[in-house]
Every structure is written in C-alpha cells, then in structure tokens.
Amino acid sequence: MAATRTPRAFIRERTRLTRVPHVPEVRLHLADEVYGLWERTGRLPFWAFAWPGGLALARHLLDHPGLVRDRSVLDLASGSGLIAIAAALAGASAVTAAEVDPLAAAAIALNAAANQVGVAVTLRDLLDGDGGDTEVVLAGDVFYEEPMARRVLPFLQRAQARGAHVLVGDPGRAYLPPGRFTALAVQAVPALRVLEDAEVKQVTIWRV
C-alpha cells in the first residue's frame, strides 16, 4: 500500500460496495480479485471477502435474532466485519469487532458505516483472554491454520466457561477440533472458487 494512502482510501480504491450473497441485508466493500491485493498488502486480505463461515453465521444470527438481541457481542477475527454487522442488525446492545490487521479494522469501520450500525473496533490480539464481559462470542472461519486454531480453541473454551454463549461458523476447515462443539445447523453457502475448492460450501454452525 502506498505510504500516502490512508487505509480507508486504499480499501475504497480496491473494492466495491455491494450486497453480500446469502446475506443480502448487508452491504460490504468487497474485492473482485485476490492475488493483486495479497501482493500489495503482504498478507491474505481476509477483510476483502465474505468467507463461508462468516456468511453462514451472519445468516444464522439474522434468522435467529434472539441469540444476540439486547446482548453484548464480540466478533473474533472479524475480517470484513460481516458477523459483527449482522449481530448489530439483529439487535445486539453493543458489538465489538476484534482484529489484528489495520486494514481489516479500517474495512470494518467503513462497512459498519455503510450499514448504518454501530460497531466498536479493537485492534489487538485478544486470544490470551476470555472475551471480558461480553455475553455472546462469535467466530467465523477461524480454524484455517494450526497455529491460529491452537490459540482460538482455549479462548473460546474460556469464554464459554465464564458464561458466554459461543458460536462458531466453520466450513470443514482442517483444524476444527473434533468432538469439542455441538452442531446447531448446516447451511449451503456460496463460495469463491479462487479461494475455496468449490462454488458452494457446507457450513456448520457450532456451539461451544
């Protein structure tokens, strides 16, 4: 990213604001290509795409708003902010989106504004904690690599142990630990073949 561009300006130049497949209630700044952004930013641009786990979990919240209505919510590894925005639209009393990528934080702020909802963004690593006092902890597509999964699982378990309601959306990633979650629902979700191995993914909504 050119030093003279702000993160928000960079995102606006490289994406387009569009309604999200499977969750048309939400609009996001989404990219049409992957590898150019990856080269320019030096990392996979998780913030520029709607990933299957996030799509399914966002849809689940909007279809079952009682899960978050009038509750405080934490969206872990928020990416584009899709799940956080869905939680806000479903009536959550307060929503925090956690990220470690400054571009993702900027994208979440832009996307929340586009949907006219309030989402607080925290730009720090929360995985050594338990989510504080948030009542609902949400995580979409967080088991895609082993080092991340090794830290995410204990975080989610600590959040559940202190009384949070913890939901995970996962399309069968390799590092989802077996036998740790309870399946609540399964959705067929559209996917980008350039990022996935299919144009439709089966995504499970899990409860910790």
Protein backbone atom coordinates (compact mmCIF):
# COMPACT_ATOMS: atom_id res chain seq x y z
CA MET A 1 0.00 0.00 0.00
CA ALA A 2 1.40 3.38 -0.94
CA ALA A 3 2.56 5.34 2.09
CA THR A 4 0.50 8.38 1.05
CA ARG A 5 -2.81 6.46 1.06
CA THR A 6 -4.85 6.01 4.18
CA PRO A 7 -6.19 2.51 4.84
CA ARG A 8 -9.74 3.69 4.13
CA ALA A 9 -8.73 5.29 0.83
CA PHE A 10 -6.88 2.12 -0.18
CA ILE A 11 -9.93 -0.03 0.61
CA ARG A 12 -12.27 2.24 -1.34
CA GLU A 13 -9.95 2.12 -4.38
CA ARG A 14 -9.59 -1.68 -4.35
CA THR A 15 -13.15 -2.78 -3.53
CA ARG A 16 -16.73 -2.04 -4.42
CA LEU A 17 -19.67 -1.67 -2.05
CA THR A 18 -22.07 -4.50 -2.83
CA ARG A 19 -24.77 -6.63 -1.26
CA VAL A 20 -23.47 -9.86 0.19
CA PRO A 21 -24.51 -13.21 -1.33
CA HIS A 22 -26.52 -15.29 1.16
CA VAL A 23 -26.86 -12.22 3.43
CA PRO A 24 -28.39 -9.54 1.18
CA GLU A 25 -29.39 -7.43 4.19
CA VAL A 26 -25.71 -6.46 4.47
CA ARG A 27 -23.50 -4.43 2.14
CA LEU A 28 -19.72 -4.76 2.25
CA HIS A 29 -16.69 -3.32 0.48
CA LEU A 30 -15.61 -6.49 -1.36
CA ALA A 31 -12.75 -7.12 -3.79
CA ASP A 32 -13.02 -8.80 -7.18
CA GLU A 33 -9.50 -10.24 -7.14
CA VAL A 34 -7.26 -11.86 -4.54
CA TYR A 35 -3.66 -12.01 -5.61
CA GLY A 36 -3.10 -8.37 -6.50
CA LEU A 37 -4.32 -7.33 -3.06
CA TRP A 38 -2.22 -10.05 -1.45
CA GLU A 39 0.90 -8.76 -3.20
CA ARG A 40 0.20 -5.13 -2.30
CA THR A 41 -0.54 -5.76 1.37
CA GLY A 42 1.80 -8.67 2.08
CA ARG A 43 -0.90 -10.86 3.58
CA LEU A 44 -4.09 -12.61 2.55
CA PRO A 45 -6.79 -9.88 2.59
CA PHE A 46 -9.32 -11.58 4.85
CA TRP A 47 -11.16 -8.25 5.13
CA ALA A 48 -11.89 -8.05 1.37
CA PHE A 49 -14.04 -11.17 1.01
CA ALA A 50 -17.08 -12.76 2.66
CA TRP A 51 -15.81 -16.16 3.83
CA PRO A 52 -18.16 -19.16 4.08
CA GLY A 53 -18.07 -19.48 7.87
CA GLY A 54 -18.88 -15.80 8.27
CA LEU A 55 -21.67 -15.92 5.71
CA ALA A 56 -23.37 -18.81 7.47
CA LEU A 57 -23.01 -17.37 10.95
CA ALA A 58 -24.27 -13.95 9.84
CA ARG A 59 -27.29 -15.60 8.20
CA HIS A 60 -27.93 -17.64 11.35
CA LEU A 61 -27.95 -14.51 13.52
CA LEU A 62 -30.34 -12.65 11.24
CA ASP A 63 -32.66 -15.67 11.10
CA HIS A 64 -32.46 -16.14 14.90
CA PRO A 65 -32.08 -12.61 16.30
CA GLY A 66 -32.93 -13.75 19.81
CA LEU A 67 -29.40 -15.16 20.05
CA VAL A 68 -27.95 -11.65 20.30
CA ARG A 69 -30.83 -9.22 20.85
CA ASP A 70 -30.12 -6.89 23.79
CA ARG A 71 -26.82 -8.68 24.47
CA SER A 72 -23.22 -7.54 24.19
CA VAL A 73 -21.34 -9.31 21.39
CA LEU A 74 -17.70 -9.92 20.47
CA ASP A 75 -16.85 -10.92 16.90
CA LEU A 76 -13.42 -12.56 16.99
CA ALA A 77 -11.07 -12.23 13.97
CA SER A 78 -13.76 -10.13 12.36
CA GLY A 79 -12.24 -9.67 8.87
CA SER A 80 -14.74 -7.57 6.92
CA GLY A 81 -17.00 -7.16 9.95
CA LEU A 82 -19.81 -9.17 8.37
CA ILE A 83 -20.74 -11.11 11.51
CA ALA A 84 -20.46 -8.03 13.73
CA ILE A 85 -22.73 -6.07 11.40
CA ALA A 86 -25.27 -8.92 11.31
CA ALA A 87 -25.26 -9.00 15.12
CA ALA A 88 -25.91 -5.26 15.24
CA LEU A 89 -28.74 -5.56 12.71
CA ALA A 90 -30.19 -8.40 14.80
CA GLY A 91 -30.47 -6.09 17.79
CA ALA A 92 -27.33 -6.63 19.88
CA SER A 93 -26.95 -3.97 22.58
CA ALA A 94 -23.23 -3.48 21.84
CA VAL A 95 -20.93 -5.07 19.27
CA THR A 96 -17.15 -5.22 19.29
CA ALA A 97 -15.16 -6.50 16.30
CA ALA A 98 -11.66 -7.73 17.17
CA GLU A 99 -8.86 -7.69 14.59
CA VAL A 100 -5.06 -7.52 14.42
CA ASP A 101 -4.83 -6.17 10.84
CA PRO A 102 -5.11 -2.37 10.49
CA LEU A 103 -6.65 -2.74 7.03
CA ALA A 104 -9.31 -5.04 8.45
CA ALA A 105 -10.05 -2.52 11.20
CA ALA A 106 -10.49 0.20 8.57
CA ALA A 107 -12.70 -2.09 6.46
CA ILE A 108 -14.92 -2.92 9.44
CA ALA A 109 -15.41 0.77 10.18
CA LEU A 110 -16.29 1.51 6.54
CA ASN A 111 -18.67 -1.46 6.34
CA ALA A 112 -20.41 -0.62 9.62
CA ALA A 113 -20.99 2.93 8.39
CA ALA A 114 -22.34 1.63 5.07
CA ASN A 115 -24.91 -0.42 7.00
CA GLN A 116 -25.67 2.38 9.47
CA VAL A 117 -24.85 0.32 12.56
CA GLY A 118 -22.53 0.90 15.47
CA VAL A 119 -19.60 -1.49 15.76
CA ALA A 120 -16.63 -0.77 18.02
CA VAL A 121 -13.33 -2.00 16.58
CA THR A 122 -10.49 -3.20 18.79
CA LEU A 123 -7.13 -3.56 17.04
CA ARG A 124 -5.38 -6.02 19.32
CA ASP A 125 -4.82 -9.70 19.97
CA LEU A 126 -7.40 -10.95 22.50
CA LEU A 127 -6.59 -14.65 22.36
CA ASP A 128 -4.84 -14.88 25.73
CA GLY A 129 -8.03 -13.71 27.45
CA ASP A 130 -11.66 -14.84 27.61
CA GLY A 131 -13.58 -12.06 25.88
CA GLY A 132 -14.10 -9.99 29.02
CA ASP A 133 -17.73 -9.47 29.98
CA THR A 134 -19.29 -9.85 26.52
CA GLU A 135 -22.34 -12.09 26.64
CA VAL A 136 -22.03 -13.62 23.16
CA VAL A 137 -18.75 -14.55 21.42
CA LEU A 138 -18.85 -15.24 17.67
CA ALA A 139 -16.15 -16.67 15.41
CA GLY A 140 -16.42 -17.33 11.69
CA ASP A 141 -13.85 -19.40 9.81
CA VAL A 142 -11.10 -19.28 12.44
CA PHE A 143 -9.75 -22.85 12.15
CA TYR A 144 -7.98 -22.45 8.81
CA GLU A 145 -4.43 -22.95 10.13
CA GLU A 146 -2.92 -24.88 13.02
CA PRO A 147 -1.20 -22.05 14.96
CA MET A 148 -4.41 -20.00 14.94
CA ALA A 149 -6.56 -22.98 15.95
CA ARG A 150 -4.19 -23.78 18.83
CA ARG A 151 -4.90 -20.37 20.37
CA VAL A 152 -8.54 -19.92 19.35
CA LEU A 153 -9.89 -23.10 20.95
CA PRO A 154 -8.72 -22.28 24.51
CA PHE A 155 -10.01 -18.72 24.09
CA LEU A 156 -13.46 -19.96 23.10
CA GLN A 157 -13.48 -22.50 25.91
CA ARG A 158 -12.54 -19.85 28.48
CA ALA A 159 -15.30 -17.59 27.16
CA GLN A 160 -17.82 -20.42 27.48
CA ALA A 161 -16.60 -21.33 30.96
CA ARG A 162 -17.22 -17.79 32.25
CA GLY A 163 -20.79 -17.93 30.91
CA ALA A 164 -20.66 -16.51 27.39
CA HIS A 165 -22.75 -18.04 24.62
CA VAL A 166 -20.16 -19.06 21.99
CA LEU A 167 -20.98 -19.78 18.34
CA VAL A 168 -18.63 -20.79 15.51
CA GLY A 169 -19.27 -20.94 11.77
CA ASP A 170 -17.00 -23.43 10.02
CA PRO A 171 -16.98 -24.95 6.50
CA GLY A 172 -14.98 -28.04 7.44
CA ARG A 173 -11.56 -26.45 7.93
CA ALA A 174 -8.76 -28.90 8.63
CA TYR A 175 -8.02 -27.65 12.15
CA LEU A 176 -11.53 -27.61 13.59
CA PRO A 177 -11.06 -29.84 16.67
CA PRO A 178 -13.39 -32.87 16.61
CA GLY A 179 -15.71 -33.59 19.49
CA ARG A 180 -15.45 -30.16 21.13
CA PHE A 181 -18.60 -28.49 19.74
CA THR A 182 -22.31 -29.19 19.31
CA ALA A 183 -23.78 -28.74 15.81
CA LEU A 184 -26.79 -26.42 15.65
CA ALA A 185 -27.41 -26.03 11.91
CA VAL A 186 -25.91 -26.64 8.46
CA GLN A 187 -26.15 -24.24 5.52
CA ALA A 188 -25.13 -24.44 1.87
CA VAL A 189 -23.21 -21.21 1.30
CA PRO A 190 -21.85 -19.67 -1.93
CA ALA A 191 -18.05 -19.58 -2.14
CA LEU A 192 -15.39 -18.14 -4.44
CA ARG A 193 -13.62 -20.95 -6.28
CA VAL A 194 -10.40 -18.92 -6.35
CA LEU A 195 -10.34 -19.08 -2.55
CA GLU A 196 -12.09 -22.41 -1.92
CA ASP A 197 -12.27 -25.79 -3.62
CA ALA A 198 -15.90 -25.37 -4.68
CA GLU A 199 -18.55 -22.81 -5.55
CA VAL A 200 -20.79 -23.99 -2.69
CA LYS A 201 -19.60 -24.97 0.79
CA GLN A 202 -21.49 -26.80 3.52
CA VAL A 203 -21.05 -24.74 6.67
CA THR A 204 -21.92 -25.89 10.18
CA ILE A 205 -22.94 -23.55 12.96
CA TRP A 206 -21.39 -24.93 16.14
CA ARG A 207 -21.99 -24.13 19.82
CA VAL A 208 -19.05 -24.45 22.18
